[in-house]
Amino acid sequence: MDKYKKIYYKNTAILFRSFDGYFSITDICMIDGVKNKWYEYIKSDEARDCIYVLGKKYGIDYDDIINLYIYNGNLTTWVHPSLVIHFSMSIDSQLGFEMIEWVQINREETIRKNL
């Protein structure tokens, strides 16, 4: 399985890491109408609550839910799949449902690979 995969939404390529299911929020912010939504979202009480719940549920720190990683020489922000779904649903229901589908497909592929 490739380490990185591309999916497309509204003609915008979005990278996700197939080994952990994290999405490039940097790419998602390139979708028309989304650009500044991440900065608004991440400062919200709703996002803080979601991050807290994710951390508690999975026993992971903030830096493991949202992390910076260099991809092809560019600093990219990568986000836990559950947070990406939460963010996506808050700005565009269609994008949110696409994210749910992509996360499910990636999990199924990972399970099949490990059988």
C-alpha atoms as a PDB file:
ATOM      1  CA  MET A   1       0.000   0.000   0.000  1.00  0.00           C
ATOM      2  CA  ASP A   2       1.298   3.457  -0.859  1.00  0.00           C
ATOM      3  CA  LYS A   3       2.293   5.600   2.098  1.00  0.00           C
ATOM      4  CA  TYR A   4       0.379   8.591   0.693  1.00  0.00           C
ATOM      5  CA  LYS A   5      -2.760   8.624  -1.411  1.00  0.00           C
ATOM      6  CA  LYS A   6      -4.635  11.369  -3.198  1.00  0.00           C
ATOM      7  CA  ILE A   7      -8.343  11.800  -3.224  1.00  0.00           C
ATOM      8  CA  TYR A   8     -10.209  14.536  -5.041  1.00  0.00           C
ATOM      9  CA  TYR A   9     -12.994  16.835  -3.995  1.00  0.00           C
ATOM     10  CA  LYS A  10     -14.224  19.665  -6.233  1.00  0.00           C
ATOM     11  CA  ASN A  11     -11.129  19.219  -8.434  1.00  0.00           C
ATOM     12  CA  THR A  12      -8.793  19.684  -5.463  1.00  0.00           C
ATOM     13  CA  ALA A  13      -6.302  16.962  -4.601  1.00  0.00           C
ATOM     14  CA  ILE A  14      -6.266  16.029  -0.925  1.00  0.00           C
ATOM     15  CA  LEU A  15      -3.459  13.892   0.431  1.00  0.00           C
ATOM     16  CA  PHE A  16      -3.987  11.377   3.166  1.00  0.00           C
ATOM     17  CA  ARG A  17      -1.536   9.046   4.828  1.00  0.00           C
ATOM     18  CA  SER A  18      -2.686   5.496   4.288  1.00  0.00           C
ATOM     19  CA  PHE A  19      -0.585   4.199   7.200  1.00  0.00           C
ATOM     20  CA  ASP A  20      -2.535   6.179   9.833  1.00  0.00           C
ATOM     21  CA  GLY A  21      -5.478   7.716   7.950  1.00  0.00           C
ATOM     22  CA  TYR A  22      -4.495  11.315   8.688  1.00  0.00           C
ATOM     23  CA  PHE A  23      -5.537  13.968   6.174  1.00  0.00           C
ATOM     24  CA  SER A  24      -3.672  17.037   4.991  1.00  0.00           C
ATOM     25  CA  ILE A  25      -5.713  19.948   6.284  1.00  0.00           C
ATOM     26  CA  THR A  26      -3.371  22.096   4.208  1.00  0.00           C
ATOM     27  CA  ASP A  27      -4.847  20.486   1.074  1.00  0.00           C
ATOM     28  CA  ILE A  28      -8.422  20.648   2.340  1.00  0.00           C
ATOM     29  CA  CYS A  29      -7.998  24.393   2.841  1.00  0.00           C
ATOM     30  CA  MET A  30      -7.297  24.716  -0.890  1.00  0.00           C
ATOM     31  CA  ILE A  31     -10.936  23.804  -1.676  1.00  0.00           C
ATOM     32  CA  ASP A  32     -12.966  26.827  -2.769  1.00  0.00           C
ATOM     33  CA  GLY A  33     -14.635  28.451   0.213  1.00  0.00           C
ATOM     34  CA  VAL A  34     -12.671  26.501   2.822  1.00  0.00           C
ATOM     35  CA  LYS A  35      -9.416  28.464   3.013  1.00  0.00           C
ATOM     36  CA  ASN A  36      -9.867  30.351   6.304  1.00  0.00           C
ATOM     37  CA  LYS A  37     -12.413  27.987   7.845  1.00  0.00           C
ATOM     38  CA  TRP A  38      -9.764  25.816   9.536  1.00  0.00           C
ATOM     39  CA  TYR A  39      -8.392  28.759  11.521  1.00  0.00           C
ATOM     40  CA  GLU A  40     -11.895  29.722  12.637  1.00  0.00           C
ATOM     41  CA  TYR A  41     -12.758  26.123  13.468  1.00  0.00           C
ATOM     42  CA  ILE A  42      -9.624  25.250  15.442  1.00  0.00           C
ATOM     43  CA  LYS A  43     -10.179  28.241  17.754  1.00  0.00           C
ATOM     44  CA  SER A  44     -13.780  27.236  18.504  1.00  0.00           C
ATOM     45  CA  ASP A  45     -15.052  25.616  21.693  1.00  0.00           C
ATOM     46  CA  GLU A  46     -16.539  22.862  19.543  1.00  0.00           C
ATOM     47  CA  ALA A  47     -13.105  21.970  18.121  1.00  0.00           C
ATOM     48  CA  ARG A  48     -11.465  22.087  21.549  1.00  0.00           C
ATOM     49  CA  ASP A  49     -14.165  19.747  22.884  1.00  0.00           C
ATOM     50  CA  CYS A  50     -13.669  17.375  19.952  1.00  0.00           C
ATOM     51  CA  ILE A  51      -9.888  17.325  20.461  1.00  0.00           C
ATOM     52  CA  TYR A  52     -10.343  16.703  24.181  1.00  0.00           C
ATOM     53  CA  VAL A  53     -12.730  13.788  23.544  1.00  0.00           C
ATOM     54  CA  LEU A  54     -10.425  12.284  20.891  1.00  0.00           C
ATOM     55  CA  GLY A  55      -7.444  12.567  23.207  1.00  0.00           C
ATOM     56  CA  LYS A  56      -9.298  10.942  26.062  1.00  0.00           C
ATOM     57  CA  LYS A  57     -10.870   8.192  23.921  1.00  0.00           C
ATOM     58  CA  TYR A  58      -7.635   7.160  22.198  1.00  0.00           C
ATOM     59  CA  GLY A  59      -5.151   8.232  24.874  1.00  0.00           C
ATOM     60  CA  ILE A  60      -3.319  10.584  22.518  1.00  0.00           C
ATOM     61  CA  ASP A  61      -1.910  14.084  22.936  1.00  0.00           C
ATOM     62  CA  TYR A  62      -2.843  17.184  20.971  1.00  0.00           C
ATOM     63  CA  ASP A  63       0.338  16.827  18.888  1.00  0.00           C
ATOM     64  CA  ASP A  64      -0.811  13.360  17.870  1.00  0.00           C
ATOM     65  CA  ILE A  65      -4.237  14.640  16.803  1.00  0.00           C
ATOM     66  CA  ILE A  66      -2.876  17.597  14.824  1.00  0.00           C
ATOM     67  CA  ASN A  67       0.698  17.437  13.671  1.00  0.00           C
ATOM     68  CA  LEU A  68       3.082  19.172  11.345  1.00  0.00           C
ATOM     69  CA  TYR A  69       5.025  17.078   8.887  1.00  0.00           C
ATOM     70  CA  ILE A  70       7.196  17.911   5.925  1.00  0.00           C
ATOM     71  CA  TYR A  71       5.901  16.430   2.686  1.00  0.00           C
ATOM     72  CA  ASN A  72       7.831  17.065  -0.542  1.00  0.00           C
ATOM     73  CA  GLY A  73       9.757  19.849   1.170  1.00  0.00           C
ATOM     74  CA  ASN A  74       6.622  21.679   2.350  1.00  0.00           C
ATOM     75  CA  LEU A  75       5.372  21.989   5.904  1.00  0.00           C
ATOM     76  CA  THR A  76       1.928  20.379   5.972  1.00  0.00           C
ATOM     77  CA  THR A  77      -0.625  20.090   8.774  1.00  0.00           C
ATOM     78  CA  TRP A  78      -1.983  16.570   9.214  1.00  0.00           C
ATOM     79  CA  VAL A  79      -5.141  15.876  11.177  1.00  0.00           C
ATOM     80  CA  HIS A  80      -6.634  12.778  12.823  1.00  0.00           C
ATOM     81  CA  PRO A  81      -9.399  11.325  10.606  1.00  0.00           C
ATOM     82  CA  SER A  82     -12.122  11.832  13.234  1.00  0.00           C
ATOM     83  CA  LEU A  83     -11.242  15.510  13.601  1.00  0.00           C
ATOM     84  CA  VAL A  84     -11.187  15.934   9.820  1.00  0.00           C
ATOM     85  CA  ILE A  85     -14.693  14.483   9.650  1.00  0.00           C
ATOM     86  CA  HIS A  86     -15.866  16.797  12.429  1.00  0.00           C
ATOM     87  CA  PHE A  87     -14.290  19.833  10.722  1.00  0.00           C
ATOM     88  CA  SER A  88     -15.598  18.876   7.284  1.00  0.00           C
ATOM     89  CA  MET A  89     -19.154  18.385   8.513  1.00  0.00           C
ATOM     90  CA  SER A  90     -19.055  21.811  10.153  1.00  0.00           C
ATOM     91  CA  ILE A  91     -18.329  23.571   6.851  1.00  0.00           C
ATOM     92  CA  ASP A  92     -19.799  21.399   4.090  1.00  0.00           C
ATOM     93  CA  SER A  93     -22.017  18.353   4.641  1.00  0.00           C
ATOM     94  CA  GLN A  94     -21.117  16.888   1.262  1.00  0.00           C
ATOM     95  CA  LEU A  95     -17.391  17.115   2.064  1.00  0.00           C
ATOM     96  CA  GLY A  96     -18.084  15.615   5.486  1.00  0.00           C
ATOM     97  CA  PHE A  97     -19.823  12.594   3.988  1.00  0.00           C
ATOM     98  CA  GLU A  98     -17.008  12.184   1.447  1.00  0.00           C
ATOM     99  CA  MET A  99     -14.499  12.195   4.313  1.00  0.00           C
ATOM    100  CA  ILE A 100     -16.490   9.541   6.181  1.00  0.00           C
ATOM    101  CA  GLU A 101     -16.458   7.372   3.070  1.00  0.00           C
ATOM    102  CA  TRP A 102     -12.720   7.853   2.469  1.00  0.00           C
ATOM    103  CA  VAL A 103     -11.909   7.030   6.090  1.00  0.00           C
ATOM    104  CA  GLN A 104     -14.013   3.846   5.893  1.00  0.00           C
ATOM    105  CA  ILE A 105     -12.403   2.770   2.623  1.00  0.00           C
ATOM    106  CA  ASN A 106      -8.910   3.330   4.021  1.00  0.00           C
ATOM    107  CA  ARG A 107      -9.724   1.347   7.170  1.00  0.00           C
ATOM    108  CA  GLU A 108     -11.125  -1.523   5.113  1.00  0.00           C
ATOM    109  CA  GLU A 109      -8.013  -1.563   2.905  1.00  0.00           C
ATOM    110  CA  THR A 110      -5.787  -1.546   5.993  1.00  0.00           C
ATOM    111  CA  ILE A 111      -7.725  -4.446   7.534  1.00  0.00           C
ATOM    112  CA  ARG A 112      -7.546  -6.470   4.286  1.00  0.00           C
ATOM    113  CA  LYS A 113      -3.811  -5.808   4.041  1.00  0.00           C
ATOM    114  CA  ASN A 114      -3.242  -7.072   7.572  1.00  0.00           C
ATOM    115  CA  LEU A 115      -5.261 -10.293   7.202  1.00  0.00           C
END
